[in-house]
Amino acid sequence: MAKPKKIGGPKQKLSPKAAARKSARDKRAANRKDRREKRADSQKKHRDNPSMKGKDYDHKDKKFKSEKNNRGNDGEGTIKEGKRKYRIKTKKRKWQL
């Protein structure tokens, strides 16, 4: 497993071809429908609560946590986490009804 990224340094030592494929793969994952919804929801909650600057919104526990505490399923690892545990409410649009 790669070391955490340091400012100004590469996260992994990849060939240019592998780095391009990883970048495309990461972009696809970051722009999936559920990730876009979570990101938009988190940004809205930050606009509504400006005092929570520097904290992350935990969609599972539905509260703000420090970045450190919002990683790795509260110390139990990520294997128990799944998509179904991170549902967020979205508005139904006219065309979806």
PDB file of N, CA and C in Angstrom:
ATOM      1  N   MET A   1       0.842  -1.177   0.000  1.00  0.00           N
ATOM      2  CA  MET A   1       0.000   0.000   0.000  1.00  0.00           C
ATOM      3  C   MET A   1       0.886   1.239   0.000  1.00  0.00           C
ATOM      4  N   ALA A   2       0.450   2.223  -0.712  1.00  0.00           N
ATOM      5  CA  ALA A   2       1.242   3.445  -0.853  1.00  0.00           C
ATOM      6  C   ALA A   2       1.184   4.285   0.419  1.00  0.00           C
ATOM      7  N   LYS A   3       2.224   5.054   0.621  1.00  0.00           N
ATOM      8  CA  LYS A   3       2.259   5.968   1.752  1.00  0.00           C
ATOM      9  C   LYS A   3       1.320   7.144   1.485  1.00  0.00           C
ATOM     10  N   PRO A   4       0.849   7.809   2.543  1.00  0.00           N
ATOM     11  CA  PRO A   4       0.012   8.989   2.324  1.00  0.00           C
ATOM     12  C   PRO A   4       0.758  10.061   1.544  1.00  0.00           C
ATOM     13  N   LYS A   5       0.014  10.798   0.758  1.00  0.00           N
ATOM     14  CA  LYS A   5       0.624  11.826  -0.088  1.00  0.00           C
ATOM     15  C   LYS A   5       1.184  12.960   0.762  1.00  0.00           C
ATOM     16  N   LYS A   6       2.396  13.366   0.441  1.00  0.00           N
ATOM     17  CA  LYS A   6       3.005  14.512   1.098  1.00  0.00           C
ATOM     18  C   LYS A   6       2.917  15.695   0.149  1.00  0.00           C
ATOM     19  N   ILE A   7       2.873  16.875   0.687  1.00  0.00           N
ATOM     20  CA  ILE A   7       2.761  18.069  -0.139  1.00  0.00           C
ATOM     21  C   ILE A   7       3.936  18.139  -1.101  1.00  0.00           C
ATOM     22  N   GLY A   8       3.621  18.233  -2.372  1.00  0.00           N
ATOM     23  CA  GLY A   8       4.649  18.366  -3.387  1.00  0.00           C
ATOM     24  C   GLY A   8       5.257  17.062  -3.870  1.00  0.00           C
ATOM     25  N   GLY A   9       4.857  15.948  -3.297  1.00  0.00           N
ATOM     26  CA  GLY A   9       5.444  14.676  -3.705  1.00  0.00           C
ATOM     27  C   GLY A   9       4.407  13.724  -4.261  1.00  0.00           C
ATOM     28  N   PRO A  10       4.854  12.763  -5.076  1.00  0.00           N
ATOM     29  CA  PRO A  10       3.903  11.813  -5.648  1.00  0.00           C
ATOM     30  C   PRO A  10       3.419  10.813  -4.600  1.00  0.00           C
ATOM     31  N   LYS A  11       2.181  10.363  -4.749  1.00  0.00           N
ATOM     32  CA  LYS A  11       1.638   9.370  -3.829  1.00  0.00           C
ATOM     33  C   LYS A  11       2.201   7.990  -4.144  1.00  0.00           C
ATOM     34  N   GLN A  12       2.252   7.680  -5.426  1.00  0.00           N
ATOM     35  CA  GLN A  12       2.772   6.386  -5.840  1.00  0.00           C
ATOM     36  C   GLN A  12       3.760   6.593  -6.975  1.00  0.00           C
ATOM     37  N   LYS A  13       4.701   5.696  -7.091  1.00  0.00           N
ATOM     38  CA  LYS A  13       5.643   5.766  -8.204  1.00  0.00           C
ATOM     39  C   LYS A  13       5.082   4.931  -9.335  1.00  0.00           C
ATOM     40  N   LEU A  14       4.398   5.590 -10.268  1.00  0.00           N
ATOM     41  CA  LEU A  14       3.759   4.912 -11.382  1.00  0.00           C
ATOM     42  C   LEU A  14       4.351   5.375 -12.700  1.00  0.00           C
ATOM     43  N   SER A  15       4.283   4.486 -13.679  1.00  0.00           N
ATOM     44  CA  SER A  15       4.695   4.879 -15.018  1.00  0.00           C
ATOM     45  C   SER A  15       3.682   5.896 -15.540  1.00  0.00           C
ATOM     46  N   PRO A  16       4.046   6.699 -16.521  1.00  0.00           N
ATOM     47  CA  PRO A  16       3.096   7.685 -17.057  1.00  0.00           C
ATOM     48  C   PRO A  16       1.794   7.052 -17.542  1.00  0.00           C
ATOM     49  N   LYS A  17       1.894   5.886 -18.172  1.00  0.00           N
ATOM     50  CA  LYS A  17       0.692   5.207 -18.658  1.00  0.00           C
ATOM     51  C   LYS A  17      -0.194   4.755 -17.491  1.00  0.00           C
ATOM     52  N   ALA A  18       0.429   4.174 -16.468  1.00  0.00           N
ATOM     53  CA  ALA A  18      -0.323   3.716 -15.293  1.00  0.00           C
ATOM     54  C   ALA A  18      -0.919   4.894 -14.530  1.00  0.00           C
ATOM     55  N   ALA A  19      -0.178   6.002 -14.438  1.00  0.00           N
ATOM     56  CA  ALA A  19      -0.673   7.182 -13.748  1.00  0.00           C
ATOM     57  C   ALA A  19      -1.896   7.759 -14.467  1.00  0.00           C
ATOM     58  N   ALA A  20      -1.866   7.750 -15.798  1.00  0.00           N
ATOM     59  CA  ALA A  20      -3.011   8.250 -16.569  1.00  0.00           C
ATOM     60  C   ALA A  20      -4.225   7.367 -16.364  1.00  0.00           C
ATOM     61  N   ARG A  21      -4.019   6.046 -16.356  1.00  0.00           N
ATOM     62  CA  ARG A  21      -5.138   5.131 -16.134  1.00  0.00           C
ATOM     63  C   ARG A  21      -5.699   5.280 -14.727  1.00  0.00           C
ATOM     64  N   LYS A  22      -4.814   5.447 -13.745  1.00  0.00           N
ATOM     65  CA  LYS A  22      -5.263   5.639 -12.362  1.00  0.00           C
ATOM     66  C   LYS A  22      -6.034   6.940 -12.224  1.00  0.00           C
ATOM     67  N   SER A  23      -5.557   7.989 -12.865  1.00  0.00           N
ATOM     68  CA  SER A  23      -6.239   9.277 -12.819  1.00  0.00           C
ATOM     69  C   SER A  23      -7.646   9.170 -13.399  1.00  0.00           C
ATOM     70  N   ALA A  24      -7.783   8.482 -14.523  1.00  0.00           N
ATOM     71  CA  ALA A  24      -9.096   8.301 -15.145  1.00  0.00           C
ATOM     72  C   ALA A  24     -10.005   7.468 -14.252  1.00  0.00           C
ATOM     73  N   ARG A  25      -9.455   6.429 -13.654  1.00  0.00           N
ATOM     74  CA  ARG A  25     -10.228   5.559 -12.767  1.00  0.00           C
ATOM     75  C   ARG A  25     -10.689   6.323 -11.527  1.00  0.00           C
ATOM     76  N   ASP A  26      -9.794   7.112 -10.934  1.00  0.00           N
ATOM     77  CA  ASP A  26     -10.138   7.904  -9.757  1.00  0.00           C
ATOM     78  C   ASP A  26     -11.202   8.951 -10.082  1.00  0.00           C
ATOM     79  N   LYS A  27     -11.096   9.560 -11.266  1.00  0.00           N
ATOM     80  CA  LYS A  27     -12.072  10.567 -11.662  1.00  0.00           C
ATOM     81  C   LYS A  27     -13.448   9.940 -11.848  1.00  0.00           C
ATOM     82  N   ARG A  28     -13.495   8.748 -12.459  1.00  0.00           N
ATOM     83  CA  ARG A  28     -14.777   8.052 -12.626  1.00  0.00           C
ATOM     84  C   ARG A  28     -15.398   7.742 -11.264  1.00  0.00           C
ATOM     85  N   ALA A  29     -14.576   7.298 -10.325  1.00  0.00           N
ATOM     86  CA  ALA A  29     -15.078   6.959  -8.990  1.00  0.00           C
ATOM     87  C   ALA A  29     -15.573   8.201  -8.260  1.00  0.00           C
ATOM     88  N   ALA A  30     -14.858   9.304  -8.390  1.00  0.00           N
ATOM     89  CA  ALA A  30     -15.228  10.536  -7.695  1.00  0.00           C
ATOM     90  C   ALA A  30     -16.480  11.171  -8.271  1.00  0.00           C
ATOM     91  N   ASN A  31     -16.795  10.855  -9.532  1.00  0.00           N
ATOM     92  CA  ASN A  31     -17.959  11.483 -10.169  1.00  0.00           C
ATOM     93  C   ASN A  31     -19.137  10.536 -10.335  1.00  0.00           C
ATOM     94  N   ARG A  32     -19.131   9.429  -9.589  1.00  0.00           N
ATOM     95  CA  ARG A  32     -20.308   8.557  -9.586  1.00  0.00           C
ATOM     96  C   ARG A  32     -21.479   9.313  -8.972  1.00  0.00           C
ATOM     97  N   LYS A  33     -22.670   8.892  -9.270  1.00  0.00           N
ATOM     98  CA  LYS A  33     -23.873   9.593  -8.816  1.00  0.00           C
ATOM     99  C   LYS A  33     -23.903   9.717  -7.283  1.00  0.00           C
ATOM    100  N   ASP A  34     -23.635   8.632  -6.573  1.00  0.00           N
ATOM    101  CA  ASP A  34     -23.702   8.690  -5.112  1.00  0.00           C
ATOM    102  C   ASP A  34     -22.629   9.602  -4.531  1.00  0.00           C
ATOM    103  N   ARG A  35     -21.428   9.609  -5.122  1.00  0.00           N
ATOM    104  CA  ARG A  35     -20.361  10.489  -4.620  1.00  0.00           C
ATOM    105  C   ARG A  35     -20.689  11.952  -4.881  1.00  0.00           C
ATOM    106  N   ARG A  36     -21.269  12.243  -6.063  1.00  0.00           N
ATOM    107  CA  ARG A  36     -21.666  13.627  -6.362  1.00  0.00           C
ATOM    108  C   ARG A  36     -22.724  14.100  -5.374  1.00  0.00           C
ATOM    109  N   GLU A  37     -23.683  13.236  -5.051  1.00  0.00           N
ATOM    110  CA  GLU A  37     -24.735  13.599  -4.109  1.00  0.00           C
ATOM    111  C   GLU A  37     -24.166  13.839  -2.716  1.00  0.00           C
ATOM    112  N   LYS A  38     -23.260  12.981  -2.277  1.00  0.00           N
ATOM    113  CA  LYS A  38     -22.636  13.158  -0.962  1.00  0.00           C
ATOM    114  C   LYS A  38     -21.818  14.436  -0.906  1.00  0.00           C
ATOM    115  N   ARG A  39     -21.086  14.719  -1.988  1.00  0.00           N
ATOM    116  CA  ARG A  39     -20.264  15.933  -2.025  1.00  0.00           C
ATOM    117  C   ARG A  39     -21.147  17.177  -1.977  1.00  0.00           C
ATOM    118  N   ALA A  40     -22.242  17.172  -2.744  1.00  0.00           N
ATOM    119  CA  ALA A  40     -23.158  18.316  -2.753  1.00  0.00           C
ATOM    120  C   ALA A  40     -23.817  18.481  -1.388  1.00  0.00           C
ATOM    121  N   ASP A  41     -24.198  17.377  -0.769  1.00  0.00           N
ATOM    122  CA  ASP A  41     -24.827  17.418   0.550  1.00  0.00           C
ATOM    123  C   ASP A  41     -23.855  17.977   1.591  1.00  0.00           C
ATOM    124  N   SER A  42     -22.617  17.525   1.533  1.00  0.00           N
ATOM    125  CA  SER A  42     -21.605  18.007   2.469  1.00  0.00           C
ATOM    126  C   SER A  42     -21.341  19.502   2.289  1.00  0.00           C
ATOM    127  N   GLN A  43     -21.268  19.948   1.034  1.00  0.00           N
ATOM    128  CA  GLN A  43     -21.040  21.368   0.775  1.00  0.00           C
ATOM    129  C   GLN A  43     -22.197  22.213   1.284  1.00  0.00           C
ATOM    130  N   LYS A  44     -23.430  21.727   1.128  1.00  0.00           N
ATOM    131  CA  LYS A  44     -24.600  22.456   1.620  1.00  0.00           C
ATOM    132  C   LYS A  44     -24.554  22.557   3.142  1.00  0.00           C
ATOM    133  N   LYS A  45     -24.213  21.453   3.810  1.00  0.00           N
ATOM    134  CA  LYS A  45     -24.139  21.475   5.272  1.00  0.00           C
ATOM    135  C   LYS A  45     -23.046  22.431   5.749  1.00  0.00           C
ATOM    136  N   HIS A  46     -21.944  22.526   5.012  1.00  0.00           N
ATOM    137  CA  HIS A  46     -20.882  23.468   5.381  1.00  0.00           C
ATOM    138  C   HIS A  46     -21.341  24.913   5.172  1.00  0.00           C
ATOM    139  N   ARG A  47     -22.119  25.165   4.129  1.00  0.00           N
ATOM    140  CA  ARG A  47     -22.653  26.527   3.937  1.00  0.00           C
ATOM    141  C   ARG A  47     -23.616  26.888   5.056  1.00  0.00           C
ATOM    142  N   ASP A  48     -24.397  25.906   5.515  1.00  0.00           N
ATOM    143  CA  ASP A  48     -25.363  26.149   6.585  1.00  0.00           C
ATOM    144  C   ASP A  48     -24.696  26.271   7.950  1.00  0.00           C
ATOM    145  N   ASN A  49     -23.522  25.696   8.126  1.00  0.00           N
ATOM    146  CA  ASN A  49     -22.798  25.697   9.407  1.00  0.00           C
ATOM    147  C   ASN A  49     -21.367  26.171   9.208  1.00  0.00           C
ATOM    148  N   PRO A  50     -21.142  27.464   8.998  1.00  0.00           N
ATOM    149  CA  PRO A  50     -19.776  27.930   8.738  1.00  0.00           C
ATOM    150  C   PRO A  50     -18.820  27.717   9.910  1.00  0.00           C
ATOM    151  N   SER A  51     -19.335  27.498  11.122  1.00  0.00           N
ATOM    152  CA  SER A  51     -18.459  27.282  12.273  1.00  0.00           C
ATOM    153  C   SER A  51     -17.787  25.915  12.237  1.00  0.00           C
ATOM    154  N   MET A  52     -18.216  25.038  11.349  1.00  0.00           N
ATOM    155  CA  MET A  52     -17.650  23.695  11.258  1.00  0.00           C
ATOM    156  C   MET A  52     -16.490  23.614  10.266  1.00  0.00           C
ATOM    157  N   LYS A  53     -15.845  24.728  10.022  1.00  0.00           N
ATOM    158  CA  LYS A  53     -14.715  24.741   9.100  1.00  0.00           C
ATOM    159  C   LYS A  53     -13.604  23.840   9.641  1.00  0.00           C
ATOM    160  N   GLY A  54     -13.008  23.050   8.757  1.00  0.00           N
ATOM    161  CA  GLY A  54     -11.943  22.142   9.169  1.00  0.00           C
ATOM    162  C   GLY A  54     -12.446  20.777   9.595  1.00  0.00           C
ATOM    163  N   LYS A  55     -13.758  20.566   9.545  1.00  0.00           N
ATOM    164  CA  LYS A  55     -14.333  19.270   9.904  1.00  0.00           C
ATOM    165  C   LYS A  55     -15.011  18.669   8.687  1.00  0.00           C
ATOM    166  N   ASP A  56     -15.159  17.354   8.698  1.00  0.00           N
ATOM    167  CA  ASP A  56     -15.834  16.637   7.623  1.00  0.00           C
ATOM    168  C   ASP A  56     -17.201  16.198   8.106  1.00  0.00           C
ATOM    169  N   TYR A  57     -18.164  16.150   7.174  1.00  0.00           N
ATOM    170  CA  TYR A  57     -19.483  15.643   7.520  1.00  0.00           C
ATOM    171  C   TYR A  57     -19.490  14.135   7.310  1.00  0.00           C
ATOM    172  N   ASP A  58     -19.855  13.400   8.356  1.00  0.00           N
ATOM    173  CA  ASP A  58     -19.922  11.946   8.283  1.00  0.00           C
ATOM    174  C   ASP A  58     -21.346  11.553   7.901  1.00  0.00           C
ATOM    175  N   HIS A  59     -21.528  11.008   6.694  1.00  0.00           N
ATOM    176  CA  HIS A  59     -22.865  10.681   6.216  1.00  0.00           C
ATOM    177  C   HIS A  59     -23.463   9.474   6.923  1.00  0.00           C
ATOM    178  N   LYS A  60     -22.631   8.673   7.542  1.00  0.00           N
ATOM    179  CA  LYS A  60     -23.157   7.514   8.270  1.00  0.00           C
ATOM    180  C   LYS A  60     -23.690   7.942   9.638  1.00  0.00           C
ATOM    181  N   ASP A  61     -22.902   8.714  10.374  1.00  0.00           N
ATOM    182  CA  ASP A  61     -23.318   9.166  11.708  1.00  0.00           C
ATOM    183  C   ASP A  61     -24.137  10.450  11.660  1.00  0.00           C
ATOM    184  N   LYS A  62     -24.185  11.084  10.501  1.00  0.00           N
ATOM    185  CA  LYS A  62     -24.948  12.315  10.286  1.00  0.00           C
ATOM    186  C   LYS A  62     -24.537  13.448  11.236  1.00  0.00           C
ATOM    187  N   LYS A  63     -23.215  13.635  11.363  1.00  0.00           N
ATOM    188  CA  LYS A  63     -22.705  14.755  12.153  1.00  0.00           C
ATOM    189  C   LYS A  63     -21.305  15.110  11.667  1.00  0.00           C
ATOM    190  N   PHE A  64     -20.842  16.286  12.066  1.00  0.00           N
ATOM    191  CA  PHE A  64     -19.497  16.722  11.698  1.00  0.00           C
ATOM    192  C   PHE A  64     -18.479  16.066  12.624  1.00  0.00           C
ATOM    193  N   LYS A  65     -17.360  15.649  12.031  1.00  0.00           N
ATOM    194  CA  LYS A  65     -16.264  15.053  12.781  1.00  0.00           C
ATOM    195  C   LYS A  65     -14.960  15.649  12.288  1.00  0.00           C
ATOM    196  N   SER A  66     -13.925  15.498  13.086  1.00  0.00           N
ATOM    197  CA  SER A  66     -12.616  15.917  12.602  1.00  0.00           C
ATOM    198  C   SER A  66     -12.234  14.992  11.449  1.00  0.00           C
ATOM    199  N   GLU A  67     -11.371  15.466  10.576  1.00  0.00           N
ATOM    200  CA  GLU A  67     -10.959  14.653   9.431  1.00  0.00           C
ATOM    201  C   GLU A  67     -10.366  13.328   9.891  1.00  0.00           C
ATOM    202  N   LYS A  68      -9.605  13.369  10.962  1.00  0.00           N
ATOM    203  CA  LYS A  68      -8.955  12.171  11.485  1.00  0.00           C
ATOM    204  C   LYS A  68      -9.985  11.124  11.912  1.00  0.00           C
ATOM    205  N   ASN A  69     -11.045  11.561  12.568  1.00  0.00           N
ATOM    206  CA  ASN A  69     -12.046  10.628  13.067  1.00  0.00           C
ATOM    207  C   ASN A  69     -13.056  10.193  12.021  1.00  0.00           C
ATOM    208  N   ASN A  70     -13.044  10.818  10.859  1.00  0.00           N
ATOM    209  CA  ASN A  70     -13.994  10.469   9.810  1.00  0.00           C
ATOM    210  C   ASN A  70     -13.370   9.526   8.775  1.00  0.00           C
ATOM    211  N   ARG A  71     -12.299   8.873   9.125  1.00  0.00           N
ATOM    212  CA  ARG A  71     -11.632   7.958   8.212  1.00  0.00           C
ATOM    213  C   ARG A  71     -11.647   6.545   8.788  1.00  0.00           C
ATOM    214  N   GLY A  72     -11.860   5.581   7.947  1.00  0.00           N
ATOM    215  CA  GLY A  72     -11.695   4.197   8.349  1.00  0.00           C
ATOM    216  C   GLY A  72     -12.745   3.650   9.291  1.00  0.00           C
ATOM    217  N   ASN A  73     -13.996   4.058   9.151  1.00  0.00           N
ATOM    218  CA  ASN A  73     -15.109   3.467   9.905  1.00  0.00           C
ATOM    219  C   ASN A  73     -14.880   3.524  11.408  1.00  0.00           C
ATOM    220  N   ASP A  74     -14.507   4.668  11.905  1.00  0.00           N
ATOM    221  CA  ASP A  74     -14.321   4.889  13.343  1.00  0.00           C
ATOM    222  C   ASP A  74     -13.349   3.890  13.978  1.00  0.00           C
ATOM    223  N   GLY A  75     -12.288   3.571  13.265  1.00  0.00           N
ATOM    224  CA  GLY A  75     -11.261   2.685  13.790  1.00  0.00           C
ATOM    225  C   GLY A  75     -11.500   1.212  13.543  1.00  0.00           C
ATOM    226  N   GLU A  76     -12.608   0.862  12.876  1.00  0.00           N
ATOM    227  CA  GLU A  76     -12.910  -0.549  12.627  1.00  0.00           C
ATOM    228  C   GLU A  76     -12.552  -0.985  11.211  1.00  0.00           C
ATOM    229  N   GLY A  77     -11.936  -0.139  10.438  1.00  0.00           N
ATOM    230  CA  GLY A  77     -11.563  -0.498   9.075  1.00  0.00           C
ATOM    231  C   GLY A  77     -12.706  -0.271   8.107  1.00  0.00           C
ATOM    232  N   THR A  78     -12.395  -0.364   6.834  1.00  0.00           N
ATOM    233  CA  THR A  78     -13.389  -0.028   5.822  1.00  0.00           C
ATOM    234  C   THR A  78     -14.115  -1.229   5.247  1.00  0.00           C
ATOM    235  N   ILE A  79     -13.765  -2.433   5.665  1.00  0.00           N
ATOM    236  CA  ILE A  79     -14.371  -3.605   5.048  1.00  0.00           C
ATOM    237  C   ILE A  79     -15.852  -3.734   5.413  1.00  0.00           C
ATOM    238  N   LYS A  80     -16.250  -3.212   6.568  1.00  0.00           N
ATOM    239  CA  LYS A  80     -17.650  -3.302   6.994  1.00  0.00           C
ATOM    240  C   LYS A  80     -18.523  -2.237   6.359  1.00  0.00           C
ATOM    241  N   GLU A  81     -17.900  -1.240   5.768  1.00  0.00           N
ATOM    242  CA  GLU A  81     -18.668  -0.149   5.191  1.00  0.00           C
ATOM    243  C   GLU A  81     -19.195  -0.560   3.825  1.00  0.00           C
ATOM    244  N   GLY A  82     -20.368  -0.080   3.486  1.00  0.00           N
ATOM    245  CA  GLY A  82     -20.929  -0.380   2.181  1.00  0.00           C
ATOM    246  C   GLY A  82     -21.792   0.764   1.700  1.00  0.00           C
ATOM    247  N   LYS A  83     -22.173   0.712   0.444  1.00  0.00           N
ATOM    248  CA  LYS A  83     -22.944   1.784  -0.158  1.00  0.00           C
ATOM    249  C   LYS A  83     -24.288   1.983   0.541  1.00  0.00           C
ATOM    250  N   ARG A  84     -24.907   0.917   1.003  1.00  0.00           N
ATOM    251  CA  ARG A  84     -26.245   1.017   1.593  1.00  0.00           C
ATOM    252  C   ARG A  84     -26.247   1.750   2.922  1.00  0.00           C
ATOM    253  N   LYS A  85     -25.121   1.857   3.579  1.00  0.00           N
ATOM    254  CA  LYS A  85     -25.050   2.535   4.867  1.00  0.00           C
ATOM    255  C   LYS A  85     -24.879   4.045   4.705  1.00  0.00           C
ATOM    256  N   TYR A  86     -24.755   4.524   3.482  1.00  0.00           N
ATOM    257  CA  TYR A  86     -24.472   5.921   3.246  1.00  0.00           C
ATOM    258  C   TYR A  86     -25.544   6.597   2.410  1.00  0.00           C
ATOM    259  N   ARG A  87     -26.784   6.201   2.572  1.00  0.00           N
ATOM    260  CA  ARG A  87     -27.866   6.810   1.807  1.00  0.00           C
ATOM    261  C   ARG A  87     -28.108   8.223   2.314  1.00  0.00           C
ATOM    262  N   ILE A  88     -28.342   9.127   1.390  1.00  0.00           N
ATOM    263  CA  ILE A  88     -28.727  10.479   1.758  1.00  0.00           C
ATOM    264  C   ILE A  88     -30.010  10.807   1.024  1.00  0.00           C
ATOM    265  N   LYS A  89     -30.805  11.661   1.625  1.00  0.00           N
ATOM    266  CA  LYS A  89     -32.077  12.026   1.015  1.00  0.00           C
ATOM    267  C   LYS A  89     -31.827  13.011  -0.114  1.00  0.00           C
ATOM    268  N   THR A  90     -32.452  12.742  -1.233  1.00  0.00           N
ATOM    269  CA  THR A  90     -32.349  13.643  -2.369  1.00  0.00           C
ATOM    270  C   THR A  90     -33.746  14.073  -2.773  1.00  0.00           C
ATOM    271  N   LYS A  91     -33.832  15.258  -3.337  1.00  0.00           N
ATOM    272  CA  LYS A  91     -35.120  15.762  -3.775  1.00  0.00           C
ATOM    273  C   LYS A  91     -35.545  15.041  -5.046  1.00  0.00           C
ATOM    274  N   LYS A  92     -36.828  14.755  -5.143  1.00  0.00           N
ATOM    275  CA  LYS A  92     -37.375  14.184  -6.366  1.00  0.00           C
ATOM    276  C   LYS A  92     -37.664  15.321  -7.320  1.00  0.00           C
ATOM    277  N   ARG A  93     -37.141  15.216  -8.516  1.00  0.00           N
ATOM    278  CA  ARG A  93     -37.381  16.235  -9.523  1.00  0.00           C
ATOM    279  C   ARG A  93     -38.652  15.865 -10.297  1.00  0.00           C
ATOM    280  N   LYS A  94     -39.233  16.827 -10.978  1.00  0.00           N
ATOM    281  CA  LYS A  94     -40.475  16.607 -11.697  1.00  0.00           C
ATOM    282  C   LYS A  94     -40.360  15.456 -12.675  1.00  0.00           C
ATOM    283  N   TRP A  95     -39.247  15.364 -13.358  1.00  0.00           N
ATOM    284  CA  TRP A  95     -39.091  14.321 -14.364  1.00  0.00           C
ATOM    285  C   TRP A  95     -38.894  12.949 -13.741  1.00  0.00           C
ATOM    286  N   GLN A  96     -38.579  12.890 -12.418  1.00  0.00           N
ATOM    287  CA  GLN A  96     -38.406  11.602 -11.751  1.00  0.00           C
ATOM    288  C   GLN A  96     -39.709  11.055 -11.184  1.00  0.00           C
ATOM    289  N   LEU A  97     -40.735  11.901 -11.075  1.00  0.00           N
ATOM    290  CA  LEU A  97     -42.001  11.466 -10.471  1.00  0.00           C
ATOM    291  C   LEU A  97     -42.832  10.635 -11.391  1.00  0.00           C
TER     292      LEU A  97
END
